[in-house]
């Protein structure tokens, strides 16, 4: 956990994006004399700051300034969980634990692609749904 006085959050370039149902901003984290702050702690602090649910906050892309003490990244606060799942890229949903990140092996994907090449139209669609069921 972070100490209340030791970490300061500052937001820059704040934008309310109605089209994507979110607030987006550049986040500056001042943490003098200590290592980087965890993303979970930043999510909790941002959610409290913007009166949002902690699960609707996404933070990513943090870079620590040379010499330490300051990190800069990006934060998104979605209006709802539905909007978050609709607009966030799958890899970030996997990082949050909101999507399944397991994939089949590369060889299996290539074999499926080559099986699909042999068919067109409706038969190809049927083959694709049969492969998903397995």
C-alpha atoms as a PDB file:
ATOM      1  CA  UNK A   1       0.000   0.000   0.000  1.00  0.00           C
ATOM      2  CA  UNK A   2       1.051   3.583  -0.529  1.00  0.00           C
ATOM      3  CA  UNK A   3       1.340   6.172   2.165  1.00  0.00           C
ATOM      4  CA  UNK A   4      -1.216   8.962   1.895  1.00  0.00           C
ATOM      5  CA  UNK A   5       1.264  11.850   1.902  1.00  0.00           C
ATOM      6  CA  UNK A   6       4.131  10.216   0.012  1.00  0.00           C
ATOM      7  CA  UNK A   7       2.519  10.016  -3.455  1.00  0.00           C
ATOM      8  CA  UNK A   8       0.994  12.885  -5.410  1.00  0.00           C
ATOM      9  CA  UNK A   9      -1.149  12.449  -8.523  1.00  0.00           C
ATOM     10  CA  UNK A  10      -1.443  15.207 -11.086  1.00  0.00           C
ATOM     11  CA  UNK A  11      -3.563  15.019 -14.214  1.00  0.00           C
ATOM     12  CA  UNK A  12      -2.775  16.827 -17.451  1.00  0.00           C
ATOM     13  CA  UNK A  13      -4.505  16.994 -20.822  1.00  0.00           C
ATOM     14  CA  UNK A  14      -7.812  15.947 -19.260  1.00  0.00           C
ATOM     15  CA  UNK A  15     -10.469  15.160 -21.849  1.00  0.00           C
ATOM     16  CA  UNK A  16     -14.028  13.910 -21.508  1.00  0.00           C
ATOM     17  CA  UNK A  17     -14.538  11.617 -24.478  1.00  0.00           C
ATOM     18  CA  UNK A  18     -18.322  11.199 -24.833  1.00  0.00           C
ATOM     19  CA  UNK A  19     -17.983   9.072 -27.946  1.00  0.00           C
ATOM     20  CA  UNK A  20     -15.997   6.397 -26.105  1.00  0.00           C
ATOM     21  CA  UNK A  21     -17.845   7.015 -22.806  1.00  0.00           C
ATOM     22  CA  UNK A  22     -14.714   7.783 -20.807  1.00  0.00           C
ATOM     23  CA  UNK A  23     -12.489  10.407 -19.262  1.00  0.00           C
ATOM     24  CA  UNK A  24      -8.907  10.266 -20.456  1.00  0.00           C
ATOM     25  CA  UNK A  25      -5.824  12.000 -19.123  1.00  0.00           C
ATOM     26  CA  UNK A  26      -2.073  11.993 -18.780  1.00  0.00           C
ATOM     27  CA  UNK A  27      -1.164  11.070 -15.220  1.00  0.00           C
ATOM     28  CA  UNK A  28       1.942  12.377 -13.451  1.00  0.00           C
ATOM     29  CA  UNK A  29       2.856  10.460 -10.300  1.00  0.00           C
ATOM     30  CA  UNK A  30       5.295  12.114  -7.893  1.00  0.00           C
ATOM     31  CA  UNK A  31       6.879   9.533  -5.614  1.00  0.00           C
ATOM     32  CA  UNK A  32      10.108  11.023  -4.222  1.00  0.00           C
ATOM     33  CA  UNK A  33      12.450   8.685  -2.417  1.00  0.00           C
ATOM     34  CA  UNK A  34      10.596   5.479  -3.271  1.00  0.00           C
ATOM     35  CA  UNK A  35      10.234   2.977  -6.101  1.00  0.00           C
ATOM     36  CA  UNK A  36       7.424   3.030  -8.648  1.00  0.00           C
ATOM     37  CA  UNK A  37       3.868   2.941  -7.361  1.00  0.00           C
ATOM     38  CA  UNK A  38       1.790  -0.111  -8.307  1.00  0.00           C
ATOM     39  CA  UNK A  39      -0.977   0.278 -10.868  1.00  0.00           C
ATOM     40  CA  UNK A  40      -3.519  -1.165  -8.419  1.00  0.00           C
ATOM     41  CA  UNK A  41      -2.749   1.623  -5.943  1.00  0.00           C
ATOM     42  CA  UNK A  42      -2.988   4.237  -8.693  1.00  0.00           C
ATOM     43  CA  UNK A  43      -6.344   2.820  -9.808  1.00  0.00           C
ATOM     44  CA  UNK A  44      -7.697   3.012  -6.267  1.00  0.00           C
ATOM     45  CA  UNK A  45      -6.483   6.584  -5.780  1.00  0.00           C
ATOM     46  CA  UNK A  46      -7.861   7.747  -9.157  1.00  0.00           C
ATOM     47  CA  UNK A  47     -11.218   6.086  -8.552  1.00  0.00           C
ATOM     48  CA  UNK A  48     -11.511   7.899  -5.244  1.00  0.00           C
ATOM     49  CA  UNK A  49     -10.426  11.193  -6.838  1.00  0.00           C
ATOM     50  CA  UNK A  50     -12.999  10.989  -9.663  1.00  0.00           C
ATOM     51  CA  UNK A  51     -15.829   9.279  -7.737  1.00  0.00           C
ATOM     52  CA  UNK A  52     -15.722   6.180  -9.900  1.00  0.00           C
ATOM     53  CA  UNK A  53     -15.630   2.441  -9.392  1.00  0.00           C
ATOM     54  CA  UNK A  54     -12.094   1.052  -9.153  1.00  0.00           C
ATOM     55  CA  UNK A  55     -12.813  -1.592 -11.801  1.00  0.00           C
ATOM     56  CA  UNK A  56     -13.672   1.120 -14.385  1.00  0.00           C
ATOM     57  CA  UNK A  57     -10.207   2.715 -14.173  1.00  0.00           C
ATOM     58  CA  UNK A  58      -7.410   1.650 -16.534  1.00  0.00           C
ATOM     59  CA  UNK A  59      -3.831   2.905 -16.114  1.00  0.00           C
ATOM     60  CA  UNK A  60      -1.011   2.019 -18.505  1.00  0.00           C
ATOM     61  CA  UNK A  61       2.121   3.211 -20.289  1.00  0.00           C
ATOM     62  CA  UNK A  62       4.111   4.430 -17.305  1.00  0.00           C
ATOM     63  CA  UNK A  63       7.646   5.705 -17.766  1.00  0.00           C
ATOM     64  CA  UNK A  64       9.861   6.688 -14.859  1.00  0.00           C
ATOM     65  CA  UNK A  65      11.831   9.885 -15.259  1.00  0.00           C
ATOM     66  CA  UNK A  66      15.615   9.536 -15.133  1.00  0.00           C
ATOM     67  CA  UNK A  67      16.724   9.796 -11.527  1.00  0.00           C
ATOM     68  CA  UNK A  68      13.386   8.510 -10.230  1.00  0.00           C
ATOM     69  CA  UNK A  69      10.796  10.302  -8.173  1.00  0.00           C
ATOM     70  CA  UNK A  70       8.392  10.965 -11.042  1.00  0.00           C
ATOM     71  CA  UNK A  71       6.493   8.693 -13.415  1.00  0.00           C
ATOM     72  CA  UNK A  72       4.224   9.641 -16.270  1.00  0.00           C
ATOM     73  CA  UNK A  73       1.548   7.459 -17.849  1.00  0.00           C
ATOM     74  CA  UNK A  74      -1.960   7.405 -19.197  1.00  0.00           C
ATOM     75  CA  UNK A  75      -5.284   6.861 -17.422  1.00  0.00           C
ATOM     76  CA  UNK A  76      -8.778   6.079 -18.687  1.00  0.00           C
ATOM     77  CA  UNK A  77     -11.891   6.199 -16.510  1.00  0.00           C
ATOM     78  CA  UNK A  78     -14.883   4.572 -18.162  1.00  0.00           C
ATOM     79  CA  UNK A  79     -18.490   5.469 -17.330  1.00  0.00           C
ATOM     80  CA  UNK A  80     -19.491   1.803 -17.041  1.00  0.00           C
ATOM     81  CA  UNK A  81     -18.092  -1.713 -17.218  1.00  0.00           C
ATOM     82  CA  UNK A  82     -20.012  -2.292 -20.476  1.00  0.00           C
ATOM     83  CA  UNK A  83     -18.248   0.658 -22.135  1.00  0.00           C
ATOM     84  CA  UNK A  84     -14.891  -0.573 -20.839  1.00  0.00           C
ATOM     85  CA  UNK A  85     -15.400  -4.046 -22.308  1.00  0.00           C
ATOM     86  CA  UNK A  86     -16.671  -2.599 -25.589  1.00  0.00           C
ATOM     87  CA  UNK A  87     -13.875  -0.089 -26.284  1.00  0.00           C
ATOM     88  CA  UNK A  88     -10.724  -1.373 -24.537  1.00  0.00           C
ATOM     89  CA  UNK A  89      -8.310  -3.506 -26.561  1.00  0.00           C
ATOM     90  CA  UNK A  90      -8.344  -7.180 -25.661  1.00  0.00           C
ATOM     91  CA  UNK A  91      -4.758  -7.251 -24.379  1.00  0.00           C
ATOM     92  CA  UNK A  92      -5.535  -4.572 -21.763  1.00  0.00           C
ATOM     93  CA  UNK A  93      -8.689  -6.452 -20.707  1.00  0.00           C
ATOM     94  CA  UNK A  94      -6.521  -9.538 -20.203  1.00  0.00           C
ATOM     95  CA  UNK A  95      -4.102  -7.504 -18.050  1.00  0.00           C
ATOM     96  CA  UNK A  96      -7.030  -6.346 -15.904  1.00  0.00           C
ATOM     97  CA  UNK A  97      -8.315  -9.903 -15.572  1.00  0.00           C
ATOM     98  CA  UNK A  98     -11.539  -9.085 -17.438  1.00  0.00           C
ATOM     99  CA  UNK A  99     -10.926 -11.323 -20.472  1.00  0.00           C
ATOM    100  CA  UNK A 100      -9.485 -14.753 -21.127  1.00  0.00           C
ATOM    101  CA  UNK A 101      -5.962 -14.569 -22.520  1.00  0.00           C
ATOM    102  CA  UNK A 102      -5.424 -18.209 -23.448  1.00  0.00           C
ATOM    103  CA  UNK A 103      -4.678 -19.004 -27.069  1.00  0.00           C
ATOM    104  CA  UNK A 104      -4.240 -22.177 -29.045  1.00  0.00           C
ATOM    105  CA  UNK A 105      -0.785 -23.068 -30.263  1.00  0.00           C
ATOM    106  CA  UNK A 106       0.593 -21.398 -33.352  1.00  0.00           C
ATOM    107  CA  UNK A 107       0.613 -24.692 -35.240  1.00  0.00           C
ATOM    108  CA  UNK A 108      -3.097 -25.273 -34.527  1.00  0.00           C
ATOM    109  CA  UNK A 109      -3.983 -21.771 -35.747  1.00  0.00           C
ATOM    110  CA  UNK A 110      -2.016 -22.290 -38.977  1.00  0.00           C
ATOM    111  CA  UNK A 111      -3.631 -25.690 -39.578  1.00  0.00           C
ATOM    112  CA  UNK A 112      -7.087 -24.168 -39.095  1.00  0.00           C
ATOM    113  CA  UNK A 113      -6.249 -21.360 -41.533  1.00  0.00           C
ATOM    114  CA  UNK A 114      -5.149 -23.881 -44.156  1.00  0.00           C
ATOM    115  CA  UNK A 115      -8.298 -26.006 -43.642  1.00  0.00           C
ATOM    116  CA  UNK A 116     -10.400 -22.863 -44.122  1.00  0.00           C
ATOM    117  CA  UNK A 117      -8.703 -22.116 -47.458  1.00  0.00           C
ATOM    118  CA  UNK A 118     -10.369 -25.168 -49.009  1.00  0.00           C
ATOM    119  CA  UNK A 119     -13.904 -23.800 -48.524  1.00  0.00           C
ATOM    120  CA  UNK A 120     -15.906 -20.737 -49.529  1.00  0.00           C
ATOM    121  CA  UNK A 121     -19.112 -19.070 -48.365  1.00  0.00           C
ATOM    122  CA  UNK A 122     -21.570 -20.970 -46.152  1.00  0.00           C
ATOM    123  CA  UNK A 123     -19.411 -24.090 -45.847  1.00  0.00           C
ATOM    124  CA  UNK A 124     -16.501 -21.951 -44.641  1.00  0.00           C
ATOM    125  CA  UNK A 125     -18.721 -20.298 -41.997  1.00  0.00           C
ATOM    126  CA  UNK A 126     -19.948 -23.702 -40.799  1.00  0.00           C
ATOM    127  CA  UNK A 127     -16.378 -24.977 -40.539  1.00  0.00           C
ATOM    128  CA  UNK A 128     -15.367 -21.918 -38.500  1.00  0.00           C
ATOM    129  CA  UNK A 129     -18.199 -22.424 -35.998  1.00  0.00           C
ATOM    130  CA  UNK A 130     -17.413 -26.140 -35.684  1.00  0.00           C
ATOM    131  CA  UNK A 131     -13.778 -25.350 -34.896  1.00  0.00           C
ATOM    132  CA  UNK A 132     -14.831 -22.872 -32.192  1.00  0.00           C
ATOM    133  CA  UNK A 133     -17.009 -25.487 -30.480  1.00  0.00           C
ATOM    134  CA  UNK A 134     -14.091 -27.919 -30.136  1.00  0.00           C
END
